[in-house]
């Protein structure tokens, strides 16, 4: 397995345990194959392993092959939302969208809650409970829940669920696990990491995983207004994040995405449109910056008095960007009826007694300057 993967992963611990116990290398491959094929939920279910090995694994690592169990499932016509509980009791939500073209996309979580306090997001209203481990992140993708009906796993994965992915250092191990051929074996270009602008770890991401797709949330081209929507602007500015992406697209020639959540009377004015267009057109490679416009969704637990613009206003805003030469589209939204759309995930925390939120911690790449 990739040497860049740290011992924080339980899979590395299991592999090391097998080696120390004198088990042949193919035992680990047998276990991984059962995991990859979603044929087992517990170590005891892995029939290809001898009973003594299954018993030993259960004793040392607990009964479950996956660190997540299903608490609840909600569905509408195009979306399936699963509420998972981790072995430690934390709750997270994972969403799969089914598109008419015949392919599926999965939206996964990186944190239980979030400590960044974006004013449009139900997850931010919870506060940060804790970072998910790399195994918990990857288990959302590999869980048997998705393949029980005989369907394949979703074709693409986006870190757009609960939490700010780049505020969790475990994401780098998770990406290694997801893209490693011996493990999940996903193509990096089938993975998207969305961020509201955690610049130091964005710098690390483009260095360590340059083929992963990136979406940066903009939501306002004006720093003061953006800080009211995304408080992290006061620490890591939009301009700093765009500079990282400028260097990234120049080096890789990969397209990047700028998400723009359209809120009525807040960031949908002519000046917002004009300044956003100018912001994109002054990039080093404006042809590689694509604006994805999203209509605001009402979400639980929010104190900001936001309203959704009309559907026609969203379309007008997109056309206005296109007229000015900006590559832009309206993002199709699914799952609003079951609180599964952008900004709506809260894993039922907001419907229960408030959890005790942990303080937000910032883990930076040691080689990145903190400016």
Protein backbone atom coordinates (compact mmCIF):
# COMPACT_ATOMS: atom_id res chain seq x y z
CA UNK A 1 0.00 0.00 0.00
CA UNK A 2 1.16 3.52 -0.71
CA UNK A 3 3.93 4.53 1.70
CA UNK A 4 2.36 8.00 1.98
CA UNK A 5 -0.44 6.43 4.01
CA UNK A 6 0.11 6.90 7.72
CA UNK A 7 -0.54 4.50 10.57
CA UNK A 8 -3.71 6.44 11.43
CA UNK A 9 -5.53 4.12 9.03
CA UNK A 10 -6.89 0.96 10.59
CA UNK A 11 -5.98 -0.87 7.39
CA UNK A 12 -2.32 -0.11 7.96
CA UNK A 13 -2.68 -1.36 11.52
CA UNK A 14 -4.29 -4.59 10.30
CA UNK A 15 -1.58 -5.10 7.71
CA UNK A 16 1.12 -4.60 10.30
CA UNK A 17 -0.68 -6.96 12.68
CA UNK A 18 -0.78 -9.68 10.01
CA UNK A 19 2.94 -9.26 9.37
CA UNK A 20 3.80 -9.41 13.07
CA UNK A 21 1.58 -12.48 13.49
CA UNK A 22 3.33 -14.31 10.67
CA UNK A 23 0.28 -14.45 8.43
CA UNK A 24 1.03 -14.80 4.71
CA UNK A 25 0.59 -11.63 2.65
CA UNK A 26 -2.36 -13.07 0.73
CA UNK A 27 -4.47 -13.04 3.92
CA UNK A 28 -4.52 -9.26 3.85
CA UNK A 29 -5.47 -9.33 0.17
CA UNK A 30 -8.33 -11.70 0.95
CA UNK A 31 -9.62 -9.30 3.58
CA UNK A 32 -9.33 -6.32 1.25
CA UNK A 33 -11.13 -8.17 -1.53
CA UNK A 34 -14.09 -8.89 0.75
CA UNK A 35 -14.13 -5.22 1.74
CA UNK A 36 -13.91 -4.00 -1.86
CA UNK A 37 -16.69 -6.29 -3.01
CA UNK A 38 -18.94 -5.32 -0.08
CA UNK A 39 -19.63 -8.97 0.67
CA UNK A 40 -19.07 -8.63 4.40
CA UNK A 41 -20.07 -6.27 7.18
CA UNK A 42 -18.09 -7.93 9.98
CA UNK A 43 -14.78 -9.76 10.17
CA UNK A 44 -16.76 -12.90 11.01
CA UNK A 45 -18.47 -12.64 7.58
CA UNK A 46 -15.19 -12.92 5.63
CA UNK A 47 -15.51 -16.59 4.75
CA UNK A 48 -12.22 -16.65 2.82
CA UNK A 49 -10.29 -16.18 6.08
CA UNK A 50 -9.72 -19.02 8.56
CA UNK A 51 -11.93 -18.82 11.64
CA UNK A 52 -8.92 -18.24 13.92
CA UNK A 53 -7.95 -15.15 11.86
CA UNK A 54 -11.50 -13.83 11.92
CA UNK A 55 -11.67 -14.32 15.67
CA UNK A 56 -8.32 -12.61 16.18
CA UNK A 57 -9.34 -9.60 14.08
CA UNK A 58 -12.61 -9.28 15.96
CA UNK A 59 -10.80 -9.35 19.31
CA UNK A 60 -8.21 -6.76 18.29
CA UNK A 61 -10.21 -4.40 16.07
CA UNK A 62 -13.84 -4.94 17.07
CA UNK A 63 -16.49 -6.88 15.14
CA UNK A 64 -17.17 -4.49 12.26
CA UNK A 65 -15.30 -4.41 9.00
CA UNK A 66 -16.69 -0.92 8.49
CA UNK A 67 -16.49 1.78 11.20
CA UNK A 68 -19.98 3.04 10.22
CA UNK A 69 -23.45 1.58 10.68
CA UNK A 70 -26.70 2.72 9.08
CA UNK A 71 -29.16 4.52 11.36
CA UNK A 72 -31.68 5.82 8.84
CA UNK A 73 -32.32 6.06 5.11
CA UNK A 74 -34.41 8.70 3.31
CA UNK A 75 -35.24 8.73 -0.39
CA UNK A 76 -36.97 10.88 -2.93
CA UNK A 77 -37.23 10.43 -6.70
CA UNK A 78 -33.52 11.03 -7.39
CA UNK A 79 -31.66 11.01 -4.07
CA UNK A 80 -30.82 8.55 -1.31
CA UNK A 81 -29.59 10.02 1.98
CA UNK A 82 -28.09 7.73 4.60
CA UNK A 83 -27.56 8.67 8.23
CA UNK A 84 -24.51 6.81 9.52
CA UNK A 85 -23.27 6.37 13.08
CA UNK A 86 -19.57 5.84 13.68
CA UNK A 87 -18.35 3.29 16.20
CA UNK A 88 -17.72 6.23 18.55
CA UNK A 89 -21.32 7.43 18.19
CA UNK A 90 -20.80 10.45 15.93
CA UNK A 91 -23.50 10.91 13.27
CA UNK A 92 -22.92 11.95 9.67
CA UNK A 93 -24.91 12.01 6.44
CA UNK A 94 -23.96 10.72 3.00
CA UNK A 95 -25.98 11.41 -0.14
CA UNK A 96 -26.16 9.58 -3.46
CA UNK A 97 -27.80 11.34 -6.42
CA UNK A 98 -29.18 9.26 -9.27
CA UNK A 99 -29.12 11.00 -12.64
CA UNK A 100 -31.33 10.25 -15.62
CA UNK A 101 -28.29 9.58 -17.79
CA UNK A 102 -27.77 6.42 -15.74
CA UNK A 103 -24.89 7.35 -13.48
CA UNK A 104 -24.71 8.10 -9.76
CA UNK A 105 -22.69 10.62 -7.74
CA UNK A 106 -21.93 10.39 -4.03
CA UNK A 107 -21.57 13.34 -1.64
CA UNK A 108 -19.55 12.38 1.45
CA UNK A 109 -18.84 14.04 4.79
CA UNK A 110 -15.44 14.83 6.29
CA UNK A 111 -16.45 16.05 9.76
CA UNK A 112 -19.23 15.52 12.29
CA UNK A 113 -20.51 19.08 12.33
CA UNK A 114 -18.33 22.00 11.27
CA UNK A 115 -16.64 24.81 13.17
CA UNK A 116 -16.36 27.40 10.41
CA UNK A 117 -19.80 28.94 10.94
CA UNK A 118 -20.80 29.67 7.34
CA UNK A 119 -24.11 31.47 7.65
CA UNK A 120 -25.87 29.56 4.86
CA UNK A 121 -25.14 26.06 6.16
CA UNK A 122 -27.02 23.82 8.61
CA UNK A 123 -23.84 21.83 9.34
CA UNK A 124 -22.16 25.01 10.53
CA UNK A 125 -25.05 25.64 12.93
CA UNK A 126 -24.09 22.42 14.74
CA UNK A 127 -20.50 23.41 15.48
CA UNK A 128 -17.58 21.04 15.16
CA UNK A 129 -17.95 17.77 17.06
CA UNK A 130 -14.87 16.10 15.61
CA UNK A 131 -12.94 15.29 12.46
CA UNK A 132 -13.74 11.97 10.84
CA UNK A 133 -10.92 9.46 10.52
CA UNK A 134 -9.68 8.46 7.10
CA UNK A 135 -11.38 5.08 7.57
CA UNK A 136 -14.72 6.74 8.39
CA UNK A 137 -14.46 8.96 5.32
CA UNK A 138 -13.67 6.07 2.99
CA UNK A 139 -16.23 3.75 4.58
CA UNK A 140 -18.97 6.05 3.29
CA UNK A 141 -17.88 5.17 -0.24
CA UNK A 142 -17.24 1.45 0.31
CA UNK A 143 -20.14 0.60 2.63
CA UNK A 144 -22.35 -2.38 1.61
CA UNK A 145 -25.38 -0.07 1.81
CA UNK A 146 -24.79 1.03 -1.78
CA UNK A 147 -24.31 -2.39 -3.39
CA UNK A 148 -26.89 -4.51 -1.55
CA UNK A 149 -29.32 -4.12 -4.45
CA UNK A 150 -26.70 -5.30 -6.93
CA UNK A 151 -26.01 -1.80 -8.28
CA UNK A 152 -22.42 -0.62 -8.75
CA UNK A 153 -20.89 1.98 -6.45
CA UNK A 154 -21.42 5.60 -7.56
CA UNK A 155 -19.16 6.66 -10.41
CA UNK A 156 -17.95 9.85 -8.73
CA UNK A 157 -17.38 11.12 -5.20
CA UNK A 158 -17.51 14.70 -3.92
CA UNK A 159 -16.37 15.99 -0.53
CA UNK A 160 -19.44 18.23 -0.31
CA UNK A 161 -21.18 16.72 2.69
CA UNK A 162 -20.88 17.70 6.32
CA UNK A 163 -17.77 19.65 7.31
CA UNK A 164 -14.93 21.56 5.67
CA UNK A 165 -12.80 18.82 4.11
CA UNK A 166 -9.54 20.79 4.09
CA UNK A 167 -9.86 21.63 7.80
CA UNK A 168 -9.51 17.90 8.49
CA UNK A 169 -5.94 16.61 7.94
CA UNK A 170 -7.30 13.06 7.66
CA UNK A 171 -8.56 13.90 4.18
CA UNK A 172 -5.10 13.31 2.74
CA UNK A 173 -4.99 9.73 4.00
CA UNK A 174 -8.57 9.29 2.80
CA UNK A 175 -7.64 10.44 -0.71
CA UNK A 176 -4.68 8.06 -0.72
CA UNK A 177 -6.97 5.18 0.28
CA UNK A 178 -9.58 6.10 -2.32
CA UNK A 179 -7.12 6.41 -5.21
CA UNK A 180 -4.70 3.61 -4.31
CA UNK A 181 -5.03 0.73 -6.79
CA UNK A 182 -4.63 -1.86 -4.03
CA UNK A 183 -7.40 -0.29 -1.97
CA UNK A 184 -10.46 1.51 -3.44
CA UNK A 185 -8.77 2.14 -6.78
CA UNK A 186 -10.81 5.17 -7.83
CA UNK A 187 -9.53 7.50 -10.52
CA UNK A 188 -8.50 10.82 -8.98
CA UNK A 189 -10.43 12.66 -11.68
CA UNK A 190 -13.63 11.05 -10.36
CA UNK A 191 -13.13 12.78 -6.99
CA UNK A 192 -13.98 16.39 -6.15
CA UNK A 193 -12.85 18.25 -3.05
CA UNK A 194 -14.98 21.26 -2.16
CA UNK A 195 -13.67 23.96 0.17
CA UNK A 196 -14.80 27.35 1.43
CA UNK A 197 -11.17 28.42 1.28
CA UNK A 198 -8.85 26.66 3.75
CA UNK A 199 -5.84 27.97 1.83
CA UNK A 200 -2.87 26.23 3.53
CA UNK A 201 -4.33 22.78 3.00
CA UNK A 202 -5.54 23.77 -0.46
CA UNK A 203 -1.87 24.39 -1.23
CA UNK A 204 -1.08 20.93 0.08
CA UNK A 205 -3.93 19.34 -1.87
CA UNK A 206 -2.81 20.65 -5.27
CA UNK A 207 0.72 19.41 -4.56
CA UNK A 208 -0.13 15.92 -3.28
CA UNK A 209 -3.27 15.19 -5.34
CA UNK A 210 -3.08 17.39 -8.45
CA UNK A 211 -5.55 15.28 -10.48
CA UNK A 212 -8.41 15.63 -7.98
CA UNK A 213 -11.11 18.11 -9.01
CA UNK A 214 -11.42 21.25 -6.87
CA UNK A 215 -14.44 23.42 -6.12
CA UNK A 216 -13.88 26.68 -4.25
CA UNK A 217 -16.90 28.39 -2.69
CA UNK A 218 -16.94 32.09 -3.59
CA UNK A 219 -20.51 33.27 -2.75
CA UNK A 220 -19.47 36.94 -2.98
CA UNK A 221 -16.70 38.75 -4.88
CA UNK A 222 -16.55 41.44 -2.15
CA UNK A 223 -14.36 40.53 0.86
CA UNK A 224 -16.56 42.21 3.48
CA UNK A 225 -19.75 40.59 2.22
CA UNK A 226 -18.03 37.26 1.72
CA UNK A 227 -16.81 37.33 5.33
CA UNK A 228 -20.43 37.65 6.50
CA UNK A 229 -21.31 34.53 4.51
CA UNK A 230 -18.02 32.64 4.99
CA UNK A 231 -16.23 33.87 8.15
CA UNK A 232 -13.05 32.03 7.13
CA UNK A 233 -12.52 34.88 4.63
CA UNK A 234 -11.08 36.90 7.52
CA UNK A 235 -8.34 34.32 8.00
CA UNK A 236 -7.72 33.02 4.48
CA UNK A 237 -8.88 35.48 1.84
CA UNK A 238 -10.57 34.59 -1.41
CA UNK A 239 -7.70 36.21 -3.28
CA UNK A 240 -5.17 33.96 -1.55
CA UNK A 241 -7.18 30.88 -2.48
CA UNK A 242 -7.58 32.05 -6.08
CA UNK A 243 -3.82 32.57 -6.29
CA UNK A 244 -3.32 28.93 -5.30
CA UNK A 245 -5.73 27.86 -8.03
CA UNK A 246 -4.05 30.17 -10.55
CA UNK A 247 -0.76 28.35 -10.04
CA UNK A 248 -2.52 24.98 -10.08
CA UNK A 249 -4.29 25.47 -13.43
CA UNK A 250 -1.16 26.93 -15.01
CA UNK A 251 0.84 23.86 -13.96
CA UNK A 252 -1.73 21.12 -14.62
CA UNK A 253 -4.08 22.69 -17.19
CA UNK A 254 -6.93 21.21 -15.15
CA UNK A 255 -10.26 22.99 -14.90
CA UNK A 256 -11.33 24.23 -11.45
CA UNK A 257 -14.80 25.19 -10.27
CA UNK A 258 -16.03 28.24 -8.40
CA UNK A 259 -19.29 27.64 -6.52
CA UNK A 260 -21.57 30.65 -6.18
CA UNK A 261 -24.58 30.27 -3.88
CA UNK A 262 -27.11 32.84 -5.05
CA UNK A 263 -28.99 34.52 -2.17
CA UNK A 264 -31.81 36.97 -2.91
CA UNK A 265 -30.86 40.57 -2.11
CA UNK A 266 -27.45 39.59 -0.78
CA UNK A 267 -25.20 38.58 -3.67
CA UNK A 268 -27.43 38.58 -6.74
CA UNK A 269 -27.17 42.25 -7.70
CA UNK A 270 -25.70 43.69 -10.88
CA UNK A 271 -22.54 44.79 -9.04
CA UNK A 272 -22.08 41.25 -7.72
CA UNK A 273 -22.43 39.85 -11.24
CA UNK A 274 -20.06 42.36 -12.80
CA UNK A 275 -17.40 42.05 -10.10
CA UNK A 276 -17.58 38.26 -10.09
CA UNK A 277 -17.10 38.22 -13.85
CA UNK A 278 -14.11 40.57 -13.56
CA UNK A 279 -12.65 38.37 -10.83
CA UNK A 280 -12.74 35.35 -13.12
CA UNK A 281 -11.62 37.11 -16.29
CA UNK A 282 -8.49 38.49 -14.61
CA UNK A 283 -7.24 34.98 -13.73
CA UNK A 284 -4.17 33.68 -15.53
CA UNK A 285 -6.30 31.11 -17.39
CA UNK A 286 -9.94 32.28 -17.18
CA UNK A 287 -10.92 29.54 -19.61
CA UNK A 288 -10.08 26.98 -16.89
CA UNK A 289 -12.28 28.59 -14.22
CA UNK A 290 -15.92 27.48 -14.35
CA UNK A 291 -18.58 29.15 -12.19
CA UNK A 292 -21.30 26.85 -10.84
CA UNK A 293 -24.31 28.89 -9.71
CA UNK A 294 -26.48 27.33 -6.99
CA UNK A 295 -29.84 28.54 -5.80
CA UNK A 296 -29.90 29.06 -2.01
CA UNK A 297 -31.68 26.36 -0.03
CA UNK A 298 -33.47 26.99 3.24
CA UNK A 299 -31.68 25.05 5.98
CA UNK A 300 -32.28 24.18 9.62
CA UNK A 301 -30.67 26.09 12.47
CA UNK A 302 -29.71 29.25 10.57
CA UNK A 303 -29.99 32.73 12.07
CA UNK A 304 -29.29 34.71 8.88
CA UNK A 305 -32.44 35.98 7.17
CA UNK A 306 -31.64 34.56 3.74
CA UNK A 307 -34.12 33.94 0.94
CA UNK A 308 -33.91 31.95 -2.26
CA UNK A 309 -34.00 33.97 -5.49
CA UNK A 310 -36.51 33.03 -8.14
CA UNK A 311 -35.53 30.35 -10.59
CA UNK A 312 -35.65 32.96 -13.36
CA UNK A 313 -33.21 35.18 -11.44
CA UNK A 314 -30.74 32.30 -11.18
CA UNK A 315 -30.95 31.71 -14.92
CA UNK A 316 -30.49 35.44 -15.59
CA UNK A 317 -27.40 35.52 -13.39
CA UNK A 318 -25.87 32.58 -15.27
CA UNK A 319 -26.62 34.20 -18.62
CA UNK A 320 -25.09 37.44 -17.41
CA UNK A 321 -21.83 35.66 -16.61
CA UNK A 322 -21.86 33.86 -19.94
CA UNK A 323 -22.50 37.11 -21.83
CA UNK A 324 -19.38 38.55 -20.22
CA UNK A 325 -17.29 35.63 -21.39
CA UNK A 326 -17.29 33.57 -18.18
CA UNK A 327 -17.83 29.82 -18.36
CA UNK A 328 -20.85 29.31 -16.12
CA UNK A 329 -23.72 26.90 -15.57
CA UNK A 330 -26.52 26.43 -13.10
CA UNK A 331 -25.98 23.46 -10.83
CA UNK A 332 -28.84 21.02 -10.85
CA UNK A 333 -30.12 20.53 -7.31
CA UNK A 334 -31.61 17.33 -6.01
CA UNK A 335 -32.86 16.25 -2.61
CA UNK A 336 -34.25 19.49 -1.17
CA UNK A 337 -37.40 17.68 0.00
CA UNK A 338 -35.33 15.45 2.32
CA UNK A 339 -32.74 18.06 3.43
CA UNK A 340 -30.10 16.52 1.19
CA UNK A 341 -29.15 19.53 -0.96
CA UNK A 342 -26.35 22.08 -0.61
CA UNK A 343 -26.11 23.45 2.94
CA UNK A 344 -28.91 21.29 4.36
CA UNK A 345 -27.11 18.36 6.02
CA UNK A 346 -27.33 18.24 9.81
CA UNK A 347 -27.53 14.50 10.70
CA UNK A 348 -30.52 15.24 12.97
CA UNK A 349 -28.31 17.05 15.48
CA UNK A 350 -30.46 20.17 15.15
CA UNK A 351 -33.57 18.15 16.01
CA UNK A 352 -32.06 16.82 19.25
CA UNK A 353 -30.41 18.37 22.34
CA UNK A 354 -27.49 20.56 21.21
CA UNK A 355 -24.21 18.64 21.18
CA UNK A 356 -21.10 19.98 22.85
CA UNK A 357 -19.06 21.39 19.99
CA UNK A 358 -15.30 21.08 19.98
CA UNK A 359 -13.22 24.17 19.20
CA UNK A 360 -12.15 24.43 15.56
CA UNK A 361 -8.52 23.46 15.10
CA UNK A 362 -6.41 24.32 12.08
CA UNK A 363 -3.91 21.71 10.92
CA UNK A 364 -1.62 23.15 8.33
CA UNK A 365 0.96 21.68 6.03
CA UNK A 366 4.24 22.30 7.91
CA UNK A 367 5.93 23.32 4.68
CA UNK A 368 3.30 25.94 3.86
CA UNK A 369 3.96 29.50 5.03
CA UNK A 370 1.26 30.90 7.31
CA UNK A 371 0.72 34.29 5.81
